[in-house]
PDB file of N, CA and C in Angstrom:
ATOM      1  N   MET A   1      78.983 117.935 104.710  1.00  0.00           N
ATOM      2  CA  MET A   1      80.702 118.057 104.123  1.00  0.00           C
ATOM      3  C   MET A   1      81.916 117.513 104.875  1.00  0.00           C
ATOM      4  N   ARG A   2      81.859 118.336 106.104  1.00  0.00           N
ATOM      5  CA  ARG A   2      82.571 118.003 107.069  1.00  0.00           C
ATOM      6  C   ARG A   2      82.640 116.362 107.369  1.00  0.00           C
ATOM      7  N   TYR A   3      81.523 115.617 107.426  1.00  0.00           N
ATOM      8  CA  TYR A   3      80.876 114.469 107.516  1.00  0.00           C
ATOM      9  C   TYR A   3      81.436 114.056 106.518  1.00  0.00           C
ATOM     10  N   LEU A   4      81.383 114.134 105.502  1.00  0.00           N
ATOM     11  CA  LEU A   4      81.921 112.955 104.397  1.00  0.00           C
ATOM     12  C   LEU A   4      83.427 113.186 104.495  1.00  0.00           C
ATOM     13  N   THR A   5      83.907 114.418 104.669  1.00  0.00           N
ATOM     14  CA  THR A   5      85.852 114.355 104.406  1.00  0.00           C
ATOM     15  C   THR A   5      86.020 113.488 105.853  1.00  0.00           C
ATOM     16  N   LEU A   6      85.461 113.718 106.679  1.00  0.00           N
ATOM     17  CA  LEU A   6      86.102 112.488 108.268  1.00  0.00           C
ATOM     18  C   LEU A   6      85.512 110.874 107.821  1.00  0.00           C
ATOM     19  N   LEU A   7      84.663 110.844 107.148  1.00  0.00           N
ATOM     20  CA  LEU A   7      84.697 109.353 106.399  1.00  0.00           C
ATOM     21  C   LEU A   7      85.064 109.069 105.388  1.00  0.00           C
ATOM     22  N   LEU A   8      85.900 109.911 104.283  1.00  0.00           N
ATOM     23  CA  LEU A   8      87.109 109.324 103.886  1.00  0.00           C
ATOM     24  C   LEU A   8      88.099 109.441 104.235  1.00  0.00           C
ATOM     25  N   PHE A   9      88.402 110.018 105.259  1.00  0.00           N
ATOM     26  CA  PHE A   9      89.627 109.877 106.483  1.00  0.00           C
ATOM     27  C   PHE A   9      89.053 108.574 106.899  1.00  0.00           C
ATOM     28  N   ALA A  10      88.612 108.251 107.458  1.00  0.00           N
ATOM     29  CA  ALA A  10      88.133 106.994 107.916  1.00  0.00           C
ATOM     30  C   ALA A  10      88.370 105.222 107.353  1.00  0.00           C
ATOM     31  N   LEU A  11      87.969 105.714 105.882  1.00  0.00           N
ATOM     32  CA  LEU A  11      88.432 104.842 104.841  1.00  0.00           C
ATOM     33  C   LEU A  11      89.744 104.716 104.869  1.00  0.00           C
ATOM     34  N   VAL A  12      90.235 106.208 104.080  1.00  0.00           N
ATOM     35  CA  VAL A  12      91.722 105.831 104.146  1.00  0.00           C
ATOM     36  C   VAL A  12      92.795 105.453 105.000  1.00  0.00           C
ATOM     37  N   LEU A  13      92.736 105.562 106.424  1.00  0.00           N
ATOM     38  CA  LEU A  13      93.367 105.001 107.020  1.00  0.00           C
ATOM     39  C   LEU A  13      93.044 103.488 107.390  1.00  0.00           C
ATOM     40  N   ILE A  14      92.339 102.699 107.052  1.00  0.00           N
ATOM     41  CA  ILE A  14      91.610 101.689 107.325  1.00  0.00           C
ATOM     42  C   ILE A  14      92.053 100.928 105.984  1.00  0.00           C
ATOM     43  N   VAL A  15      92.243 101.311 104.621  1.00  0.00           N
ATOM     44  CA  VAL A  15      92.974 101.132 103.877  1.00  0.00           C
ATOM     45  C   VAL A  15      94.429 100.987 104.033  1.00  0.00           C
ATOM     46  N   CYS A  16      95.096 102.297 104.719  1.00  0.00           N
ATOM     47  CA  CYS A  16      96.395 102.123 104.662  1.00  0.00           C
ATOM     48  C   CYS A  16      96.685 101.190 105.923  1.00  0.00           C
ATOM     49  N   SER A  17      96.100 100.816 106.761  1.00  0.00           N
ATOM     50  CA  SER A  17      96.433 100.053 107.739  1.00  0.00           C
ATOM     51  C   SER A  17      96.085  98.724 107.095  1.00  0.00           C
ATOM     52  N   GLN A  18      95.398  98.022 106.733  1.00  0.00           N
ATOM     53  CA  GLN A  18      95.598  97.119 105.750  1.00  0.00           C
ATOM     54  C   GLN A  18      96.510  96.509 104.794  1.00  0.00           C
ATOM     55  N   HIS A  19      96.359  97.371 104.149  1.00  0.00           N
ATOM     56  CA  HIS A  19      98.119  97.624 103.107  1.00  0.00           C
ATOM     57  C   HIS A  19      99.749  97.533 104.220  1.00  0.00           C
ATOM     58  N   MET A  20      99.418  98.126 105.123  1.00  0.00           N
ATOM     59  CA  MET A  20     100.838  97.792 105.976  1.00  0.00           C
ATOM     60  C   MET A  20     100.695  96.313 106.619  1.00  0.00           C
ATOM     61  N   GLN A  21      99.537  95.750 106.670  1.00  0.00           N
ATOM     62  CA  GLN A  21      99.656  94.542 107.472  1.00  0.00           C
ATOM     63  C   GLN A  21      99.715  93.218 106.284  1.00  0.00           C
ATOM     64  N   THR A  22      99.552  93.374 104.956  1.00  0.00           N
ATOM     65  CA  THR A  22      99.597  92.662 104.225  1.00  0.00           C
ATOM     66  C   THR A  22     101.038  92.725 104.220  1.00  0.00           C
ATOM     67  N   SER A  23     101.233  91.343 103.132  1.00  0.00           N
ATOM     68  CA  SER A  23     103.126  90.923 103.171  1.00  0.00           C
ATOM     69  C   SER A  23     103.063  89.325 102.572  1.00  0.00           C
ATOM     70  N   ASN A  24     104.171  89.082 101.880  1.00  0.00           N
ATOM     71  CA  ASN A  24     103.943  88.031 100.997  1.00  0.00           C
ATOM     72  C   ASN A  24     105.552  86.930 101.658  1.00  0.00           C
ATOM     73  N   ALA A  25     105.774  85.615 102.331  1.00  0.00           N
ATOM     74  CA  ALA A  25     106.720  85.112 102.291  1.00  0.00           C
ATOM     75  C   ALA A  25     108.009  85.828 102.017  1.00  0.00           C
ATOM     76  N   LYS A  26     108.055  86.123 100.719  1.00  0.00           N
ATOM     77  CA  LYS A  26     109.037  86.232 100.026  1.00  0.00           C
ATOM     78  C   LYS A  26     109.766  87.629 100.430  1.00  0.00           C
ATOM     79  N   ALA A  27     108.674  88.430 100.622  1.00  0.00           N
ATOM     80  CA  ALA A  27     109.035  90.239 101.615  1.00  0.00           C
ATOM     81  C   ALA A  27     109.657  89.799 102.636  1.00  0.00           C
ATOM     82  N   GLN A  28     108.575  88.978 103.799  1.00  0.00           N
ATOM     83  CA  GLN A  28     108.945  88.618 105.277  1.00  0.00           C
ATOM     84  C   GLN A  28     110.659  88.047 105.220  1.00  0.00           C
ATOM     85  N   ALA A  29     111.015  87.200 104.171  1.00  0.00           N
ATOM     86  CA  ALA A  29     112.425  86.999 104.346  1.00  0.00           C
ATOM     87  C   ALA A  29     113.224  87.511 103.914  1.00  0.00           C
ATOM     88  N   SER A  30     113.353  88.580 103.455  1.00  0.00           N
ATOM     89  CA  SER A  30     113.905  89.551 102.591  1.00  0.00           C
ATOM     90  C   SER A  30     114.277  91.163 103.420  1.00  0.00           C
ATOM     91  N   TYR A  31     113.174  91.073 104.453  1.00  0.00           N
ATOM     92  CA  TYR A  31     113.625  92.495 105.227  1.00  0.00           C
ATOM     93  C   TYR A  31     112.479  92.460 106.745  1.00  0.00           C
ATOM     94  N   ASP A  32     113.298  93.146 107.838  1.00  0.00           N
ATOM     95  CA  ASP A  32     112.484  92.644 109.301  1.00  0.00           C
ATOM     96  C   ASP A  32     111.295  93.426 109.255  1.00  0.00           C
ATOM     97  N   HIS A  33     110.048  92.992 108.820  1.00  0.00           N
ATOM     98  CA  HIS A  33     108.852  93.875 109.364  1.00  0.00           C
ATOM     99  C   HIS A  33     108.813  94.633 110.548  1.00  0.00           C
ATOM    100  N   SER A  34     109.266  93.548 111.666  1.00  0.00           N
ATOM    101  CA  SER A  34     109.017  94.399 113.001  1.00  0.00           C
ATOM    102  C   SER A  34     110.221  95.418 113.025  1.00  0.00           C
ATOM    103  N   ALA A  35     111.279  95.465 112.361  1.00  0.00           N
ATOM    104  CA  ALA A  35     112.169  96.835 112.324  1.00  0.00           C
ATOM    105  C   ALA A  35     111.096  97.974 111.637  1.00  0.00           C
ATOM    106  N   ALA A  36     110.072  97.183 110.594  1.00  0.00           N
ATOM    107  CA  ALA A  36     110.068  98.579 109.947  1.00  0.00           C
ATOM    108  C   ALA A  36     108.142  99.219 110.549  1.00  0.00           C
ATOM    109  N   ILE A  37     108.025  98.806 111.890  1.00  0.00           N
ATOM    110  CA  ILE A  37     107.197  99.331 112.564  1.00  0.00           C
ATOM    111  C   ILE A  37     107.240 100.563 112.918  1.00  0.00           C
ATOM    112  N   LYS A  38     108.736 100.698 113.249  1.00  0.00           N
ATOM    113  CA  LYS A  38     109.515 102.013 113.571  1.00  0.00           C
ATOM    114  C   LYS A  38     108.685 103.710 112.858  1.00  0.00           C
ATOM    115  N   CYS A  39     108.470 102.978 111.139  1.00  0.00           N
ATOM    116  CA  CYS A  39     108.662 103.718 110.042  1.00  0.00           C
ATOM    117  C   CYS A  39     107.024 104.272 109.771  1.00  0.00           C
ATOM    118  N   VAL A  40     105.756 103.084 110.881  1.00  0.00           N
ATOM    119  CA  VAL A  40     104.468 103.672 110.475  1.00  0.00           C
ATOM    120  C   VAL A  40     103.993 105.101 110.981  1.00  0.00           C
ATOM    121  N   PRO A  41     104.671 105.103 111.771  1.00  0.00           N
ATOM    122  CA  PRO A  41     104.149 106.831 112.297  1.00  0.00           C
ATOM    123  C   PRO A  41     104.206 108.057 110.923  1.00  0.00           C
ATOM    124  N   LEU A  42     105.333 107.550 110.753  1.00  0.00           N
ATOM    125  CA  LEU A  42     105.986 108.611 109.610  1.00  0.00           C
ATOM    126  C   LEU A  42     105.436 108.225 108.253  1.00  0.00           C
ATOM    127  N   ILE A  43     104.981 107.176 107.908  1.00  0.00           N
ATOM    128  CA  ILE A  43     103.860 106.703 106.775  1.00  0.00           C
ATOM    129  C   ILE A  43     102.478 107.045 107.346  1.00  0.00           C
ATOM    130  N   GLU A  44     102.126 107.401 108.429  1.00  0.00           N
ATOM    131  CA  GLU A  44     100.406 107.813 108.362  1.00  0.00           C
ATOM    132  C   GLU A  44     100.707 108.906 108.533  1.00  0.00           C
ATOM    133  N   LYS A  45     101.692 109.854 108.898  1.00  0.00           N
ATOM    134  CA  LYS A  45     101.745 111.250 108.798  1.00  0.00           C
ATOM    135  C   LYS A  45     101.588 111.446 107.466  1.00  0.00           C
ATOM    136  N   GLU A  46     102.377 110.910 106.419  1.00  0.00           N
ATOM    137  CA  GLU A  46     102.419 111.715 105.181  1.00  0.00           C
ATOM    138  C   GLU A  46     100.885 110.922 104.452  1.00  0.00           C
ATOM    139  N   SER A  47     100.770 110.111 104.874  1.00  0.00           N
ATOM    140  CA  SER A  47      99.138 109.804 104.406  1.00  0.00           C
ATOM    141  C   SER A  47      98.221 111.021 104.664  1.00  0.00           C
ATOM    142  N   GLU A  48      98.207 111.259 105.963  1.00  0.00           N
ATOM    143  CA  GLU A  48      97.367 112.210 106.260  1.00  0.00           C
ATOM    144  C   GLU A  48      97.547 113.328 105.744  1.00  0.00           C
ATOM    145  N   GLU A  49      99.116 114.043 105.666  1.00  0.00           N
ATOM    146  CA  GLU A  49      99.201 115.325 104.918  1.00  0.00           C
ATOM    147  C   GLU A  49      98.511 115.126 103.416  1.00  0.00           C
ATOM    148  N   HIS A  50      98.933 113.933 102.369  1.00  0.00           N
ATOM    149  CA  HIS A  50      98.250 113.442 101.043  1.00  0.00           C
ATOM    150  C   HIS A  50      96.499 113.858 101.662  1.00  0.00           C
ATOM    151  N   MET A  51      96.024 112.796 102.090  1.00  0.00           N
ATOM    152  CA  MET A  51      95.007 112.846 101.841  1.00  0.00           C
ATOM    153  C   MET A  51      94.030 114.394 102.583  1.00  0.00           C
ATOM    154  N   SER A  52      94.510 115.409 102.879  1.00  0.00           N
ATOM    155  CA  SER A  52      93.927 116.404 103.926  1.00  0.00           C
ATOM    156  C   SER A  52      93.148 117.077 102.548  1.00  0.00           C
ATOM    157  N   SER A  53      92.795 116.664 101.343  1.00  0.00           N
ATOM    158  CA  SER A  53      92.094 117.200 100.755  1.00  0.00           C
ATOM    159  C   SER A  53      91.213 116.142 100.092  1.00  0.00           C
ATOM    160  N   ILE A  54      90.104 116.697  99.610  1.00  0.00           N
ATOM    161  CA  ILE A  54      88.351 115.467  99.873  1.00  0.00           C
ATOM    162  C   ILE A  54      89.456 114.832  98.259  1.00  0.00           C
ATOM    163  N   GLU A  55      89.108 115.666  97.638  1.00  0.00           N
ATOM    164  CA  GLU A  55      89.782 115.086  96.380  1.00  0.00           C
ATOM    165  C   GLU A  55      90.592 113.734  96.324  1.00  0.00           C
ATOM    166  N   ALA A  56      91.635 114.008  96.923  1.00  0.00           N
ATOM    167  CA  ALA A  56      92.901 113.173  96.943  1.00  0.00           C
ATOM    168  C   ALA A  56      92.261 112.152  97.965  1.00  0.00           C
ATOM    169  N   ALA A  57      91.450 111.817  99.115  1.00  0.00           N
ATOM    170  CA  ALA A  57      90.814 111.024  99.316  1.00  0.00           C
ATOM    171  C   ALA A  57      89.955 109.958  98.719  1.00  0.00           C
ATOM    172  N   HIS A  58      89.202 111.416  98.158  1.00  0.00           N
ATOM    173  CA  HIS A  58      87.765 110.399  97.255  1.00  0.00           C
ATOM    174  C   HIS A  58      89.283 109.733  96.052  1.00  0.00           C
ATOM    175  N   GLU A  59      90.240 109.930  95.265  1.00  0.00           N
ATOM    176  CA  GLU A  59      90.442 109.629  94.371  1.00  0.00           C
ATOM    177  C   GLU A  59      91.049 107.734  94.988  1.00  0.00           C
ATOM    178  N   TYR A  60      92.008 108.069  95.920  1.00  0.00           N
ATOM    179  CA  TYR A  60      92.722 106.853  96.851  1.00  0.00           C
ATOM    180  C   TYR A  60      91.618 105.801  96.826  1.00  0.00           C
ATOM    181  N   VAL A  61      90.349 106.253  97.625  1.00  0.00           N
ATOM    182  CA  VAL A  61      89.210 105.214  97.933  1.00  0.00           C
ATOM    183  C   VAL A  61      89.014 104.563  96.584  1.00  0.00           C
ATOM    184  N   MET A  62      88.756 105.607  95.732  1.00  0.00           N
ATOM    185  CA  MET A  62      87.887 104.961  94.419  1.00  0.00           C
ATOM    186  C   MET A  62      89.095 104.381  93.830  1.00  0.00           C
ATOM    187  N   ALA A  63      90.888 104.349  93.798  1.00  0.00           N
ATOM    188  CA  ALA A  63      91.796 103.739  93.328  1.00  0.00           C
ATOM    189  C   ALA A  63      91.751 102.118  94.411  1.00  0.00           C
ATOM    190  N   HIS A  64      91.498 102.614  95.401  1.00  0.00           N
ATOM    191  CA  HIS A  64      91.654 101.253  95.972  1.00  0.00           C
ATOM    192  C   HIS A  64      90.234 100.057  95.528  1.00  0.00           C
ATOM    193  N   SER A  65      89.287 100.877  95.974  1.00  0.00           N
ATOM    194  CA  SER A  65      88.210 100.225  95.530  1.00  0.00           C
ATOM    195  C   SER A  65      88.096  99.141  94.338  1.00  0.00           C
ATOM    196  N   SER A  66      88.229  99.764  93.181  1.00  0.00           N
ATOM    197  CA  SER A  66      88.686  99.082  92.252  1.00  0.00           C
ATOM    198  C   SER A  66      89.408  98.358  91.612  1.00  0.00           C
ATOM    199  N   GLY A  67      90.652  98.404  92.657  1.00  0.00           N
ATOM    200  CA  GLY A  67      91.777  97.420  91.782  1.00  0.00           C
ATOM    201  C   GLY A  67      92.908  98.187  91.401  1.00  0.00           C
ATOM    202  N   GLN A  68      92.842  99.361  91.398  1.00  0.00           N
ATOM    203  CA  GLN A  68      93.685  99.839  90.541  1.00  0.00           C
ATOM    204  C   GLN A  68      94.667 100.770  91.109  1.00  0.00           C
ATOM    205  N   ILE A  69      95.088 100.724  92.161  1.00  0.00           N
ATOM    206  CA  ILE A  69      95.830 101.262  93.230  1.00  0.00           C
ATOM    207  C   ILE A  69      97.109 101.213  92.899  1.00  0.00           C
ATOM    208  N   PHE A  70      97.683 100.494  91.810  1.00  0.00           N
ATOM    209  CA  PHE A  70      99.005 100.488  91.216  1.00  0.00           C
ATOM    210  C   PHE A  70      98.938 101.255  90.321  1.00  0.00           C
ATOM    211  N   LYS A  71      97.975 101.429  89.504  1.00  0.00           N
ATOM    212  CA  LYS A  71      98.057 102.505  88.543  1.00  0.00           C
ATOM    213  C   LYS A  71      97.639 103.885  88.933  1.00  0.00           C
ATOM    214  N   TYR A  72      97.240 103.932  89.962  1.00  0.00           N
ATOM    215  CA  TYR A  72      97.054 104.956  90.568  1.00  0.00           C
ATOM    216  C   TYR A  72      98.123 105.486  91.262  1.00  0.00           C
ATOM    217  N   MET A  73      98.985 104.544  92.121  1.00  0.00           N
ATOM    218  CA  MET A  73     100.253 105.152  92.573  1.00  0.00           C
ATOM    219  C   MET A  73     101.377 105.178  91.396  1.00  0.00           C
ATOM    220  N   SER A  74     101.153 104.872  90.199  1.00  0.00           N
ATOM    221  CA  SER A  74     102.581 104.807  88.935  1.00  0.00           C
ATOM    222  C   SER A  74     102.020 106.846  88.774  1.00  0.00           C
ATOM    223  N   GLU A  75     100.759 106.547  88.543  1.00  0.00           N
ATOM    224  CA  GLU A  75     100.771 108.155  87.944  1.00  0.00           C
ATOM    225  C   GLU A  75     101.083 109.304  88.930  1.00  0.00           C
ATOM    226  N   LYS A  76     100.545 109.155  90.166  1.00  0.00           N
ATOM    227  CA  LYS A  76     101.389 109.814  91.150  1.00  0.00           C
ATOM    228  C   LYS A  76     102.653 109.626  91.165  1.00  0.00           C
ATOM    229  N   ALA A  77     103.402 108.695  91.000  1.00  0.00           N
ATOM    230  CA  ALA A  77     104.721 108.686  91.190  1.00  0.00           C
ATOM    231  C   ALA A  77     105.615 109.628  90.247  1.00  0.00           C
ATOM    232  N   LYS A  78     104.845 108.988  88.793  1.00  0.00           N
ATOM    233  CA  LYS A  78     105.771 110.290  88.077  1.00  0.00           C
ATOM    234  C   LYS A  78     105.275 111.550  87.776  1.00  0.00           C
ATOM    235  N   GLU A  79     103.930 111.711  88.565  1.00  0.00           N
ATOM    236  CA  GLU A  79     104.188 113.525  88.861  1.00  0.00           C
ATOM    237  C   GLU A  79     104.769 114.073  89.939  1.00  0.00           C
ATOM    238  N   LYS A  80     106.327 113.192  90.148  1.00  0.00           N
ATOM    239  CA  LYS A  80     107.060 113.042  91.007  1.00  0.00           C
ATOM    240  C   LYS A  80     106.388 113.358  92.446  1.00  0.00           C
ATOM    241  N   ASN A  81     105.322 112.931  92.851  1.00  0.00           N
ATOM    242  CA  ASN A  81     104.594 112.975  94.050  1.00  0.00           C
ATOM    243  C   ASN A  81     105.191 111.915  95.409  1.00  0.00           C
ATOM    244  N   SER A  82     105.736 112.594  96.360  1.00  0.00           N
ATOM    245  CA  SER A  82     106.181 111.298  97.215  1.00  0.00           C
ATOM    246  C   SER A  82     105.320 110.756  97.792  1.00  0.00           C
ATOM    247  N   PHE A  83     104.092 110.839  98.062  1.00  0.00           N
ATOM    248  CA  PHE A  83     102.736 109.951  98.521  1.00  0.00           C
ATOM    249  C   PHE A  83     103.301 108.282  97.566  1.00  0.00           C
ATOM    250  N   GLY A  84     103.065 109.065  96.251  1.00  0.00           N
ATOM    251  CA  GLY A  84     102.985 107.995  95.114  1.00  0.00           C
ATOM    252  C   GLY A  84     104.524 107.020  94.908  1.00  0.00           C
ATOM    253  N   GLN A  85     105.511 108.142  95.267  1.00  0.00           N
ATOM    254  CA  GLN A  85     106.384 107.257  95.101  1.00  0.00           C
ATOM    255  C   GLN A  85     106.463 106.309  96.361  1.00  0.00           C
ATOM    256  N   LEU A  86     106.594 106.421  97.611  1.00  0.00           N
ATOM    257  CA  LEU A  86     106.619 105.889  99.021  1.00  0.00           C
ATOM    258  C   LEU A  86     105.983 104.367  98.922  1.00  0.00           C
ATOM    259  N   ASN A  87     104.661 105.120  98.312  1.00  0.00           N
ATOM    260  CA  ASN A  87     103.681 103.518  98.258  1.00  0.00           C
ATOM    261  C   ASN A  87     104.015 102.783  97.278  1.00  0.00           C
ATOM    262  N   LEU A  88     104.341 103.264  96.061  1.00  0.00           N
ATOM    263  CA  LEU A  88     105.250 102.509  94.918  1.00  0.00           C
ATOM    264  C   LEU A  88     106.528 101.119  95.773  1.00  0.00           C
ATOM    265  N   GLY A  89     106.944 102.118  96.335  1.00  0.00           N
ATOM    266  CA  GLY A  89     107.795 101.021  96.683  1.00  0.00           C
ATOM    267  C   GLY A  89     107.427  99.911  97.766  1.00  0.00           C
ATOM    268  N   ILE A  90     106.692 100.440  98.434  1.00  0.00           N
ATOM    269  CA  ILE A  90     105.819  99.396  99.777  1.00  0.00           C
ATOM    270  C   ILE A  90     105.384  98.549  98.511  1.00  0.00           C
ATOM    271  N   ILE A  91     104.841  98.832  97.138  1.00  0.00           N
ATOM    272  CA  ILE A  91     103.671  97.842  96.806  1.00  0.00           C
ATOM    273  C   ILE A  91     104.871  96.950  96.399  1.00  0.00           C
ATOM    274  N   TYR A  92     106.035  97.419  95.710  1.00  0.00           N
ATOM    275  CA  TYR A  92     106.964  96.483  95.326  1.00  0.00           C
ATOM    276  C   TYR A  92     107.914  95.497  96.661  1.00  0.00           C
ATOM    277  N   LEU A  93     108.054  96.160  97.961  1.00  0.00           N
ATOM    278  CA  LEU A  93     108.376  95.824  98.736  1.00  0.00           C
ATOM    279  C   LEU A  93     107.355  94.606  99.200  1.00  0.00           C
ATOM    280  N   GLU A  94     106.344  94.801  99.382  1.00  0.00           N
ATOM    281  CA  GLU A  94     105.529  93.698  99.495  1.00  0.00           C
ATOM    282  C   GLU A  94     104.756  92.772  98.960  1.00  0.00           C
ATOM    283  N   GLY A  95     105.244  93.026  97.674  1.00  0.00           N
ATOM    284  CA  GLY A  95     104.850  92.258  96.356  1.00  0.00           C
ATOM    285  C   GLY A  95     103.324  91.652  96.751  1.00  0.00           C
ATOM    286  N   ASP A  96     102.518  93.121  96.817  1.00  0.00           N
ATOM    287  CA  ASP A  96     101.308  93.700  96.808  1.00  0.00           C
ATOM    288  C   ASP A  96     100.607  93.730  95.336  1.00  0.00           C
ATOM    289  N   TYR A  97      99.450  93.366  95.783  1.00  0.00           N
ATOM    290  CA  TYR A  97      97.991  93.845  94.512  1.00  0.00           C
ATOM    291  C   TYR A  97      98.691  93.424  93.241  1.00  0.00           C
ATOM    292  N   GLY A  98      99.109  91.916  93.291  1.00  0.00           N
ATOM    293  CA  GLY A  98      99.253  91.174  92.098  1.00  0.00           C
ATOM    294  C   GLY A  98     100.912  91.827  91.823  1.00  0.00           C
ATOM    295  N   ILE A  99     101.160  92.487  92.335  1.00  0.00           N
ATOM    296  CA  ILE A  99     102.786  92.971  91.531  1.00  0.00           C
ATOM    297  C   ILE A  99     103.600  92.461  91.834  1.00  0.00           C
ATOM    298  N   LYS A 100     104.743  91.647  91.416  1.00  0.00           N
ATOM    299  CA  LYS A 100     106.054  91.076  91.810  1.00  0.00           C
ATOM    300  C   LYS A 100     106.813  91.302  92.807  1.00  0.00           C
ATOM    301  N   TYR A 101     107.083  91.316  93.953  1.00  0.00           N
ATOM    302  CA  TYR A 101     108.279  91.655  94.678  1.00  0.00           C
ATOM    303  C   TYR A 101     109.721  91.909  93.963  1.00  0.00           C
ATOM    304  N   ASP A 102     110.006  93.067  94.285  1.00  0.00           N
ATOM    305  CA  ASP A 102     111.252  93.498  93.476  1.00  0.00           C
ATOM    306  C   ASP A 102     111.611  94.191  94.272  1.00  0.00           C
ATOM    307  N   LYS A 103     112.889  93.648  95.104  1.00  0.00           N
ATOM    308  CA  LYS A 103     113.582  94.962  96.273  1.00  0.00           C
ATOM    309  C   LYS A 103     114.686  95.790  95.429  1.00  0.00           C
ATOM    310  N   VAL A 104     114.868  95.961  94.464  1.00  0.00           N
ATOM    311  CA  VAL A 104     115.501  97.014  93.736  1.00  0.00           C
ATOM    312  C   VAL A 104     114.609  98.046  92.988  1.00  0.00           C
ATOM    313  N   LYS A 105     113.476  97.635  92.877  1.00  0.00           N
ATOM    314  CA  LYS A 105     112.409  98.973  92.130  1.00  0.00           C
ATOM    315  C   LYS A 105     112.128  99.610  93.534  1.00  0.00           C
ATOM    316  N   ALA A 106     111.453  98.862  94.697  1.00  0.00           N
ATOM    317  CA  ALA A 106     110.931  99.264  96.191  1.00  0.00           C
ATOM    318  C   ALA A 106     112.176 100.090  96.474  1.00  0.00           C
ATOM    319  N   MET A 107     113.495  99.699  96.252  1.00  0.00           N
ATOM    320  CA  MET A 107     114.234 100.920  97.011  1.00  0.00           C
ATOM    321  C   MET A 107     114.739 102.292  96.043  1.00  0.00           C
ATOM    322  N   ARG A 108     114.484 101.967  94.856  1.00  0.00           N
ATOM    323  CA  ARG A 108     114.418 102.756  93.698  1.00  0.00           C
ATOM    324  C   ARG A 108     113.251 103.911  93.787  1.00  0.00           C
ATOM    325  N   TRP A 109     112.362 103.384  94.200  1.00  0.00           N
ATOM    326  CA  TRP A 109     110.919 104.381  94.889  1.00  0.00           C
ATOM    327  C   TRP A 109     111.005 105.339  95.997  1.00  0.00           C
ATOM    328  N   PHE A 110     111.542 104.721  97.036  1.00  0.00           N
ATOM    329  CA  PHE A 110     111.740 105.286  97.814  1.00  0.00           C
ATOM    330  C   PHE A 110     112.761 106.084  97.997  1.00  0.00           C
ATOM    331  N   SER A 111     114.077 105.901  97.353  1.00  0.00           N
ATOM    332  CA  SER A 111     115.198 106.959  96.841  1.00  0.00           C
ATOM    333  C   SER A 111     114.353 107.987  96.190  1.00  0.00           C
ATOM    334  N   ARG A 112     113.640 107.861  95.663  1.00  0.00           N
ATOM    335  CA  ARG A 112     112.616 109.139  94.673  1.00  0.00           C
ATOM    336  C   ARG A 112     112.257 110.025  95.931  1.00  0.00           C
ATOM    337  N   ALA A 113     111.325 108.939  96.598  1.00  0.00           N
ATOM    338  CA  ALA A 113     110.426 109.576  97.426  1.00  0.00           C
ATOM    339  C   ALA A 113     111.335 110.515  98.409  1.00  0.00           C
ATOM    340  N   ALA A 114     112.857 109.993  98.734  1.00  0.00           N
ATOM    341  CA  ALA A 114     112.777 110.550  99.695  1.00  0.00           C
ATOM    342  C   ALA A 114     113.905 111.979  99.551  1.00  0.00           C
ATOM    343  N   ASP A 115     114.250 111.765  98.094  1.00  0.00           N
ATOM    344  CA  ASP A 115     114.960 113.201  97.203  1.00  0.00           C
ATOM    345  C   ASP A 115     113.440 114.178  97.546  1.00  0.00           C
ATOM    346  N   ASN A 116     111.938 113.892  97.146  1.00  0.00           N
ATOM    347  CA  ASN A 116     111.258 115.022  97.676  1.00  0.00           C
ATOM    348  C   ASN A 116     110.690 115.109  98.738  1.00  0.00           C
ATOM    349  N   GLY A 117     111.320 114.264  99.709  1.00  0.00           N
ATOM    350  CA  GLY A 117     110.959 115.314 101.027  1.00  0.00           C
ATOM    351  C   GLY A 117     110.099 114.147 102.417  1.00  0.00           C
ATOM    352  N   SER A 118     110.401 112.710 101.554  1.00  0.00           N
ATOM    353  CA  SER A 118     109.606 111.691 102.294  1.00  0.00           C
ATOM    354  C   SER A 118     110.510 111.473 103.499  1.00  0.00           C
ATOM    355  N   LYS A 119     110.261 111.698 104.382  1.00  0.00           N
ATOM    356  CA  LYS A 119     111.145 111.025 105.880  1.00  0.00           C
ATOM    357  C   LYS A 119     110.498 109.385 105.963  1.00  0.00           C
ATOM    358  N   ALA A 120     109.423 108.976 105.745  1.00  0.00           N
ATOM    359  CA  ALA A 120     109.123 107.770 105.705  1.00  0.00           C
ATOM    360  C   ALA A 120     109.816 106.715 105.093  1.00  0.00           C
ATOM    361  N   ALA A 121     110.138 107.430 103.856  1.00  0.00           N
ATOM    362  CA  ALA A 121     110.893 106.410 102.243  1.00  0.00           C
ATOM    363  C   ALA A 121     111.951 106.532 103.154  1.00  0.00           C
ATOM    364  N   GLU A 122     112.731 107.587 103.815  1.00  0.00           N
ATOM    365  CA  GLU A 122     114.226 107.312 104.201  1.00  0.00           C
ATOM    366  C   GLU A 122     114.294 106.822 105.460  1.00  0.00           C
ATOM    367  N   CYS A 123     113.415 106.508 106.027  1.00  0.00           N
ATOM    368  CA  CYS A 123     113.264 105.316 107.179  1.00  0.00           C
ATOM    369  C   CYS A 123     113.480 103.976 106.832  1.00  0.00           C
ATOM    370  N   LEU A 124     112.376 103.817 105.804  1.00  0.00           N
ATOM    371  CA  LEU A 124     112.628 102.421 105.032  1.00  0.00           C
ATOM    372  C   LEU A 124     113.539 102.313 104.453  1.00  0.00           C
ATOM    373  N   LEU A 125     114.320 103.323 103.503  1.00  0.00           N
ATOM    374  CA  LEU A 125     115.878 102.736 103.201  1.00  0.00           C
ATOM    375  C   LEU A 125     116.600 102.246 104.177  1.00  0.00           C
ATOM    376  N   ARG A 126     117.113 103.265 105.061  1.00  0.00           N
ATOM    377  CA  ARG A 126     117.423 102.608 106.408  1.00  0.00           C
ATOM    378  C   ARG A 126     117.627 101.228 106.370  1.00  0.00           C
ATOM    379  N   LEU A 127     116.626 100.380 106.865  1.00  0.00           N
ATOM    380  CA  LEU A 127     116.291  99.296 106.665  1.00  0.00           C
ATOM    381  C   LEU A 127     116.676  98.444 105.724  1.00  0.00           C
ATOM    382  N   LEU A 128     116.849  98.920 104.434  1.00  0.00           N
ATOM    383  CA  LEU A 128     117.171  97.746 103.368  1.00  0.00           C
ATOM    384  C   LEU A 128     117.969  97.326 103.380  1.00  0.00           C
TER     385      LEU A 128
END
């Protein structure tokens, strides 16, 4: 059981790091990615906290591998889950997973996540 938890956690970290490395030209032009680097440790910390249960890690990995990550994050965000709200903001800011870049929506989701205690969202809001 412990091995499975570690394996899922490793997969989640890989997926998160790949997501953070992706971007499109429009998003690059609209905010400074190099400045966002200082927010990465906060994002990683909140990801680790969210993935602390094996069920959450499994749901995330399955959603990501099946191409349903936007749907998964939307559902989490509607539940007022700061992790879902933060990641929905990142998806809109990066114009990722087939979702059109939208800085206004990104800021809205970051604001909601910050209201729910996300330090990473606060960090990203300061950059926009």
